[in-house]
Amino acid sequence: MGYGFIGQKFKKDEESLFYTSCMYAYQPIFRECFGKEITKFEGRVTMREIEEFRNGISKFADKKYSLDHKRMAGYIDNISHDQLVNDLNKLCDLMESKEVRYLFIS
């Protein structure tokens, strides 16, 4: 079980523009870096949330938050810390360019 990040243009779109996932073990780290539960970013994207998300990513990018040592072979949400940081930055770029206007995090 892990987190899935899905970016869409509109809430009711059937196609997503962005998807990535990661281990649920990142929950306390996300809470520390982003200042709140990561799922609180779910919903319509606002400029304020983009700024908060970008700040959280910059904190999360620190190697001390890497949980690469907890990755398990065959686990569907196996993603390296570096790849997760890259993916989250890409998501934030898509939100800033208004390509992604609705975010699902589960």
C-alpha atoms as a PDB file:
ATOM      1  CA  MET A   1       0.000   0.000   0.000  1.00  0.00           C
ATOM      2  CA  GLY A   2       1.241   3.466  -0.790  1.00  0.00           C
ATOM      3  CA  TYR A   3       0.363   6.932  -2.006  1.00  0.00           C
ATOM      4  CA  GLY A   4      -0.799   7.603  -5.546  1.00  0.00           C
ATOM      5  CA  PHE A   5      -0.530  11.104  -7.022  1.00  0.00           C
ATOM      6  CA  ILE A   6      -2.824  11.771  -9.990  1.00  0.00           C
ATOM      7  CA  GLY A   7      -2.979  15.095 -11.817  1.00  0.00           C
ATOM      8  CA  GLN A   8      -5.904  15.963 -14.072  1.00  0.00           C
ATOM      9  CA  LYS A   9      -7.047  19.044 -15.969  1.00  0.00           C
ATOM     10  CA  PHE A  10     -10.532  18.830 -14.444  1.00  0.00           C
ATOM     11  CA  LYS A  11     -12.025  16.728 -11.658  1.00  0.00           C
ATOM     12  CA  LYS A  12     -14.311  14.738 -13.942  1.00  0.00           C
ATOM     13  CA  ASP A  13     -11.726  13.994 -16.639  1.00  0.00           C
ATOM     14  CA  GLU A  14     -11.314  10.327 -17.403  1.00  0.00           C
ATOM     15  CA  GLU A  15      -7.671  10.654 -18.419  1.00  0.00           C
ATOM     16  CA  SER A  16      -4.903  11.712 -16.108  1.00  0.00           C
ATOM     17  CA  LEU A  17      -2.030  13.942 -17.199  1.00  0.00           C
ATOM     18  CA  PHE A  18       0.274  12.753 -14.439  1.00  0.00           C
ATOM     19  CA  TYR A  19       0.688   9.723 -12.184  1.00  0.00           C
ATOM     20  CA  THR A  20       3.282   8.550  -9.711  1.00  0.00           C
ATOM     21  CA  SER A  21       3.228   6.545  -6.519  1.00  0.00           C
ATOM     22  CA  CYS A  22       5.399   5.916  -3.497  1.00  0.00           C
ATOM     23  CA  MET A  23       5.553   3.945  -0.263  1.00  0.00           C
ATOM     24  CA  TYR A  24       3.131   4.807   2.509  1.00  0.00           C
ATOM     25  CA  ALA A  25       6.171   4.811   4.813  1.00  0.00           C
ATOM     26  CA  TYR A  26       6.765   8.404   3.672  1.00  0.00           C
ATOM     27  CA  GLN A  27       3.690   9.593   5.619  1.00  0.00           C
ATOM     28  CA  PRO A  28       5.533  11.064   8.657  1.00  0.00           C
ATOM     29  CA  ILE A  29       8.208  12.569   6.402  1.00  0.00           C
ATOM     30  CA  PHE A  30       5.589  14.210   4.166  1.00  0.00           C
ATOM     31  CA  ARG A  31       3.878  15.589   7.252  1.00  0.00           C
ATOM     32  CA  GLU A  32       7.183  17.068   8.468  1.00  0.00           C
ATOM     33  CA  CYS A  33       8.250  18.498   5.098  1.00  0.00           C
ATOM     34  CA  PHE A  34       4.883  19.721   3.833  1.00  0.00           C
ATOM     35  CA  GLY A  35       3.547  20.874   7.204  1.00  0.00           C
ATOM     36  CA  LYS A  36       0.387  18.796   6.906  1.00  0.00           C
ATOM     37  CA  GLU A  37      -0.866  15.430   5.759  1.00  0.00           C
ATOM     38  CA  ILE A  38      -0.012  15.130   2.053  1.00  0.00           C
ATOM     39  CA  THR A  39      -3.605  14.156   1.214  1.00  0.00           C
ATOM     40  CA  LYS A  40      -4.743  17.650   2.312  1.00  0.00           C
ATOM     41  CA  PHE A  41      -3.402  18.887  -1.054  1.00  0.00           C
ATOM     42  CA  GLU A  42      -6.061  16.849  -2.842  1.00  0.00           C
ATOM     43  CA  GLY A  43      -8.615  18.859  -4.768  1.00  0.00           C
ATOM     44  CA  ARG A  44      -8.659  21.943  -6.928  1.00  0.00           C
ATOM     45  CA  VAL A  45      -5.166  23.404  -7.267  1.00  0.00           C
ATOM     46  CA  THR A  46      -4.656  26.957  -6.012  1.00  0.00           C
ATOM     47  CA  MET A  47      -1.621  29.236  -6.234  1.00  0.00           C
ATOM     48  CA  ARG A  48      -1.172  29.051  -2.469  1.00  0.00           C
ATOM     49  CA  GLU A  49      -1.128  25.255  -2.551  1.00  0.00           C
ATOM     50  CA  ILE A  50       1.368  25.255  -5.411  1.00  0.00           C
ATOM     51  CA  GLU A  51       3.690  27.421  -3.317  1.00  0.00           C
ATOM     52  CA  GLU A  52       3.251  25.186  -0.244  1.00  0.00           C
ATOM     53  CA  PHE A  53       3.789  22.081  -2.380  1.00  0.00           C
ATOM     54  CA  ARG A  54       6.965  23.501  -3.950  1.00  0.00           C
ATOM     55  CA  ASN A  55       8.333  24.426  -0.493  1.00  0.00           C
ATOM     56  CA  GLY A  56       7.553  20.936   0.778  1.00  0.00           C
ATOM     57  CA  ILE A  57       9.335  19.338  -2.167  1.00  0.00           C
ATOM     58  CA  SER A  58      12.451  21.438  -1.577  1.00  0.00           C
ATOM     59  CA  LYS A  59      12.578  20.210   2.035  1.00  0.00           C
ATOM     60  CA  PHE A  60      11.768  16.627   1.043  1.00  0.00           C
ATOM     61  CA  ALA A  61      14.607  16.611  -1.524  1.00  0.00           C
ATOM     62  CA  ASP A  62      17.164  16.408   1.311  1.00  0.00           C
ATOM     63  CA  LYS A  63      18.772  12.938   1.225  1.00  0.00           C
ATOM     64  CA  LYS A  64      18.154  12.502   4.957  1.00  0.00           C
ATOM     65  CA  TYR A  65      14.489  11.818   4.077  1.00  0.00           C
ATOM     66  CA  SER A  66      15.303   8.965   1.702  1.00  0.00           C
ATOM     67  CA  LEU A  67      13.696   5.637   2.558  1.00  0.00           C
ATOM     68  CA  ASP A  68      15.448   3.755  -0.228  1.00  0.00           C
ATOM     69  CA  HIS A  69      16.665   1.260   2.365  1.00  0.00           C
ATOM     70  CA  LYS A  70      13.020   0.242   3.003  1.00  0.00           C
ATOM     71  CA  ARG A  71      12.211  -0.569  -0.617  1.00  0.00           C
ATOM     72  CA  MET A  72      11.156  -4.175  -1.181  1.00  0.00           C
ATOM     73  CA  ALA A  73      11.629  -6.252  -4.313  1.00  0.00           C
ATOM     74  CA  GLY A  74       8.416  -6.632  -6.273  1.00  0.00           C
ATOM     75  CA  TYR A  75       6.584  -3.903  -4.353  1.00  0.00           C
ATOM     76  CA  ILE A  76       4.406  -1.937  -6.771  1.00  0.00           C
ATOM     77  CA  ASP A  77       5.123   1.420  -5.102  1.00  0.00           C
ATOM     78  CA  ASN A  78       8.890   0.888  -5.242  1.00  0.00           C
ATOM     79  CA  ILE A  79      10.303   4.224  -6.323  1.00  0.00           C
ATOM     80  CA  SER A  80      13.624   5.762  -5.385  1.00  0.00           C
ATOM     81  CA  HIS A  81      13.741   8.959  -3.372  1.00  0.00           C
ATOM     82  CA  ASP A  82      15.438  10.772  -6.257  1.00  0.00           C
ATOM     83  CA  GLN A  83      12.781   9.626  -8.727  1.00  0.00           C
ATOM     84  CA  LEU A  84      10.000  10.639  -6.340  1.00  0.00           C
ATOM     85  CA  VAL A  85      11.500  14.121  -5.940  1.00  0.00           C
ATOM     86  CA  ASN A  86      11.781  14.421  -9.745  1.00  0.00           C
ATOM     87  CA  ASP A  87       8.189  13.242 -10.201  1.00  0.00           C
ATOM     88  CA  LEU A  88       6.816  15.634  -7.579  1.00  0.00           C
ATOM     89  CA  ASN A  89       8.718  18.531  -9.166  1.00  0.00           C
ATOM     90  CA  LYS A  90       7.258  17.576 -12.548  1.00  0.00           C
ATOM     91  CA  LEU A  91       3.777  17.533 -10.983  1.00  0.00           C
ATOM     92  CA  CYS A  92       4.383  20.960  -9.465  1.00  0.00           C
ATOM     93  CA  ASP A  93       5.548  22.283 -12.853  1.00  0.00           C
ATOM     94  CA  LEU A  94       2.342  20.976 -14.432  1.00  0.00           C
ATOM     95  CA  MET A  95       0.298  22.694 -11.718  1.00  0.00           C
ATOM     96  CA  GLU A  96       2.158  25.996 -12.198  1.00  0.00           C
ATOM     97  CA  SER A  97       1.561  25.882 -15.960  1.00  0.00           C
ATOM     98  CA  LYS A  98      -2.135  25.158 -15.233  1.00  0.00           C
ATOM     99  CA  GLU A  99      -2.046  21.914 -17.182  1.00  0.00           C
ATOM    100  CA  VAL A 100      -2.951  20.115 -13.947  1.00  0.00           C
ATOM    101  CA  ARG A 101      -5.769  21.876 -12.136  1.00  0.00           C
ATOM    102  CA  TYR A 102      -7.069  19.017 -10.010  1.00  0.00           C
ATOM    103  CA  LEU A 103      -5.041  16.716  -7.815  1.00  0.00           C
ATOM    104  CA  PHE A 104      -5.991  13.329  -6.395  1.00  0.00           C
ATOM    105  CA  ILE A 105      -3.806  11.846  -3.659  1.00  0.00           C
ATOM    106  CA  SER A 106      -4.770   8.524  -2.171  1.00  0.00           C
END
